[in-house]
Protein backbone atom coordinates (compact mmCIF):
# COMPACT_ATOMS: atom_id res chain seq x y z
CA MET A 1 6.83 -5.48 -15.25
CA GLY A 2 3.74 -4.89 -13.06
CA THR A 3 0.99 -2.50 -13.10
CA TYR A 4 -0.52 -1.64 -9.71
CA VAL A 5 -3.71 -0.06 -8.83
CA SER A 6 -4.60 1.06 -5.06
CA GLY A 7 -6.58 3.29 -3.07
CA TYR A 8 -7.32 4.49 0.74
CA ASN A 9 -9.82 1.92 2.57
CA THR A 10 -12.69 4.28 3.29
CA PHE A 11 -13.96 2.32 5.75
CA THR A 12 -10.52 2.07 7.94
CA THR A 13 -9.38 5.96 7.79
CA GLY A 14 -12.42 7.67 6.88
CA GLU A 15 -10.55 9.39 4.08
CA PRO A 16 -11.83 9.52 0.68
CA TYR A 17 -10.33 6.50 -1.46
CA LEU A 18 -7.77 7.88 -3.50
CA GLU A 19 -6.89 5.83 -6.65
CA TRP A 20 -3.55 5.76 -8.11
CA ARG A 21 -1.95 4.08 -11.40
CA GLY A 22 1.81 2.79 -11.28
CA VAL A 23 4.06 0.58 -12.85
CA HIS A 24 7.31 -1.09 -11.38
CA ALA A 25 9.89 -2.08 -14.17
CA GLY A 26 13.09 -3.91 -12.48
CA ARG A 27 15.06 -0.79 -11.30
CA TRP A 28 12.12 1.77 -11.25
CA THR A 29 8.88 2.66 -10.15
CA TYR A 30 6.99 5.26 -10.90
CA PHE A 31 3.32 6.47 -10.40
CA LYS A 32 0.23 9.28 -10.22
CA TRP A 33 -2.37 9.76 -8.01
CA LEU A 34 -5.44 10.40 -9.93
CA ARG A 35 -6.17 13.15 -7.26
CA LYS A 36 -3.58 14.64 -4.78
CA PRO A 37 -3.61 13.44 -1.58
CA ALA A 38 -2.58 15.70 1.57
CA HIS A 39 0.48 13.60 2.21
CA SER A 40 2.20 13.99 -0.98
CA GLU A 41 3.19 16.85 -2.55
CA SER A 42 3.01 15.78 -6.10
CA LEU A 43 0.67 13.86 -8.14
CA GLU A 44 3.64 11.78 -9.79
CA GLU A 45 5.89 9.77 -8.20
CA LEU A 46 9.37 7.97 -9.44
CA TYR A 47 11.57 5.77 -7.62
CA ASP A 48 15.29 4.41 -7.87
CA ASN A 49 14.62 1.12 -6.17
CA ASP A 50 18.48 -0.11 -6.49
CA SER A 51 19.54 3.03 -4.44
CA ASP A 52 16.38 3.65 -2.78
CA PRO A 53 14.51 0.45 -1.65
CA PHE A 54 12.29 1.75 0.35
CA GLN A 55 11.11 4.58 -1.78
CA LEU A 56 11.72 7.33 0.21
CA ASN A 57 13.42 10.14 -2.26
CA ASN A 58 10.76 10.83 -5.00
CA LEU A 59 13.01 11.77 -8.24
CA ALA A 60 9.79 12.90 -10.10
CA ALA A 61 10.75 16.52 -9.45
CA SER A 62 13.99 16.28 -10.44
CA GLU A 63 15.25 17.59 -13.55
CA GLU A 64 17.79 14.89 -14.28
CA HIS A 65 14.89 12.35 -14.79
CA ALA A 66 12.72 14.92 -16.33
CA GLY A 67 11.03 13.58 -19.51
């Protein structure tokens, strides 16, 4: 399991530093934005790395994965 912290580079993009916290645990990657970015529909994102290795389908809002 890995824990990650990241954000945008204000010097490169001019955008505010948007932090997130995340966990990668084998099949799953979950992370939460501390402040919602403009490009994201939600604060939380969940991905199934087996069926979606490029993390294009956010499962966080699906009822099947609610918890």
